[in-house]
Amino acid sequence: MSLLTRLLMLLIGVVALLATPSLGDYYKPPPYKKPPIYKYPPIKKPPPVYHKPPSYGHFPGHPPTSVNP
């Protein structure tokens, strides 16, 4: 190769390197952050249900009958 060809190839290489943007010019996305873990709200327990004691044959508004006559 002649000296002129080598200088021309060197010039083309230098121009190509100078025309190429560096890696610092590209957009870099922000680092990935994991989303917070979703916590379900606490479950509220219903209040205890009051159960009436068994009436043993008594009816509301009526006098109780004797169990052993």
C-alpha atoms as a PDB file:
ATOM      1  CA  MET A   1       0.000   0.000   0.000  1.00  0.00           C
ATOM      2  CA  SER A   2       1.252   3.384  -0.762  1.00  0.00           C
ATOM      3  CA  LEU A   3       1.703   6.092   1.810  1.00  0.00           C
ATOM      4  CA  LEU A   4      -1.132   8.140   0.322  1.00  0.00           C
ATOM      5  CA  THR A   5      -3.574   5.230   0.682  1.00  0.00           C
ATOM      6  CA  ARG A   6      -2.549   4.659   4.306  1.00  0.00           C
ATOM      7  CA  LEU A   7      -2.998   8.361   5.129  1.00  0.00           C
ATOM      8  CA  LEU A   8      -6.400   8.381   3.413  1.00  0.00           C
ATOM      9  CA  MET A   9      -7.524   5.288   5.394  1.00  0.00           C
ATOM     10  CA  LEU A  10      -6.251   6.853   8.622  1.00  0.00           C
ATOM     11  CA  LEU A  11      -8.134  10.069   7.859  1.00  0.00           C
ATOM     12  CA  ILE A  12     -11.346   8.136   7.135  1.00  0.00           C
ATOM     13  CA  GLY A  13     -10.944   6.199  10.412  1.00  0.00           C
ATOM     14  CA  VAL A  14     -10.402   9.378  12.443  1.00  0.00           C
ATOM     15  CA  VAL A  15     -13.429  11.056  10.840  1.00  0.00           C
ATOM     16  CA  ALA A  16     -15.562   7.961  11.495  1.00  0.00           C
ATOM     17  CA  LEU A  17     -14.528   7.855  15.161  1.00  0.00           C
ATOM     18  CA  LEU A  18     -15.159  11.563  15.660  1.00  0.00           C
ATOM     19  CA  ALA A  19     -18.576  11.368  13.985  1.00  0.00           C
ATOM     20  CA  THR A  20     -19.742   8.509  16.215  1.00  0.00           C
ATOM     21  CA  PRO A  21     -21.509   9.693  19.393  1.00  0.00           C
ATOM     22  CA  SER A  22     -20.004   8.459  22.614  1.00  0.00           C
ATOM     23  CA  LEU A  23     -21.883   6.179  24.985  1.00  0.00           C
ATOM     24  CA  GLY A  24     -22.321   9.051  27.428  1.00  0.00           C
ATOM     25  CA  ASP A  25     -24.502  10.906  24.926  1.00  0.00           C
ATOM     26  CA  TYR A  26     -27.201   8.241  24.921  1.00  0.00           C
ATOM     27  CA  TYR A  27     -30.213   8.367  27.263  1.00  0.00           C
ATOM     28  CA  LYS A  28     -29.737   6.248  30.340  1.00  0.00           C
ATOM     29  CA  PRO A  29     -32.963   5.174  32.058  1.00  0.00           C
ATOM     30  CA  PRO A  30     -33.190   5.573  35.832  1.00  0.00           C
ATOM     31  CA  PRO A  31     -32.316   2.486  37.892  1.00  0.00           C
ATOM     32  CA  TYR A  32     -35.113  -0.014  38.415  1.00  0.00           C
ATOM     33  CA  LYS A  33     -36.953   0.269  41.706  1.00  0.00           C
ATOM     34  CA  LYS A  34     -39.080  -2.597  42.899  1.00  0.00           C
ATOM     35  CA  PRO A  35     -42.666  -1.532  43.607  1.00  0.00           C
ATOM     36  CA  PRO A  36     -43.703  -1.717  47.265  1.00  0.00           C
ATOM     37  CA  ILE A  37     -45.391  -4.916  48.394  1.00  0.00           C
ATOM     38  CA  TYR A  38     -49.158  -4.389  48.635  1.00  0.00           C
ATOM     39  CA  LYS A  39     -50.491  -5.121  52.092  1.00  0.00           C
ATOM     40  CA  TYR A  40     -54.151  -5.947  52.404  1.00  0.00           C
ATOM     41  CA  PRO A  41     -56.057  -3.953  55.027  1.00  0.00           C
ATOM     42  CA  PRO A  42     -56.717  -5.874  58.240  1.00  0.00           C
ATOM     43  CA  ILE A  43     -59.941  -7.857  58.306  1.00  0.00           C
ATOM     44  CA  LYS A  44     -62.374  -6.532  60.901  1.00  0.00           C
ATOM     45  CA  LYS A  45     -64.109  -9.298  62.798  1.00  0.00           C
ATOM     46  CA  PRO A  46     -67.859  -8.814  63.275  1.00  0.00           C
ATOM     47  CA  PRO A  47     -68.985  -8.321  66.864  1.00  0.00           C
ATOM     48  CA  PRO A  48     -70.089 -11.504  68.626  1.00  0.00           C
ATOM     49  CA  VAL A  49     -73.779 -12.303  68.216  1.00  0.00           C
ATOM     50  CA  TYR A  50     -75.742 -12.518  71.444  1.00  0.00           C
ATOM     51  CA  HIS A  51     -77.764 -15.715  71.564  1.00  0.00           C
ATOM     52  CA  LYS A  52     -80.746 -15.881  73.862  1.00  0.00           C
ATOM     53  CA  PRO A  53     -80.843 -18.860  76.171  1.00  0.00           C
ATOM     54  CA  PRO A  54     -83.372 -21.525  75.170  1.00  0.00           C
ATOM     55  CA  SER A  55     -86.912 -20.723  76.272  1.00  0.00           C
ATOM     56  CA  TYR A  56     -87.918 -24.299  77.217  1.00  0.00           C
ATOM     57  CA  GLY A  57     -91.432 -23.892  75.898  1.00  0.00           C
ATOM     58  CA  HIS A  58     -91.958 -20.335  77.145  1.00  0.00           C
ATOM     59  CA  PHE A  59     -93.505 -17.999  74.655  1.00  0.00           C
ATOM     60  CA  PRO A  60     -93.010 -14.253  74.770  1.00  0.00           C
ATOM     61  CA  GLY A  61     -95.864 -12.585  76.600  1.00  0.00           C
ATOM     62  CA  HIS A  62     -97.174 -15.838  78.124  1.00  0.00           C
ATOM     63  CA  PRO A  63     -96.553 -17.105  81.622  1.00  0.00           C
ATOM     64  CA  PRO A  64     -94.080 -19.954  81.804  1.00  0.00           C
ATOM     65  CA  THR A  65     -95.573 -23.396  82.078  1.00  0.00           C
ATOM     66  CA  SER A  66     -94.288 -25.785  84.667  1.00  0.00           C
ATOM     67  CA  VAL A  67     -91.919 -28.377  83.306  1.00  0.00           C
ATOM     68  CA  ASN A  68     -92.784 -30.946  85.994  1.00  0.00           C
ATOM     69  CA  PRO A  69     -96.534 -30.759  86.791  1.00  0.00           C
END
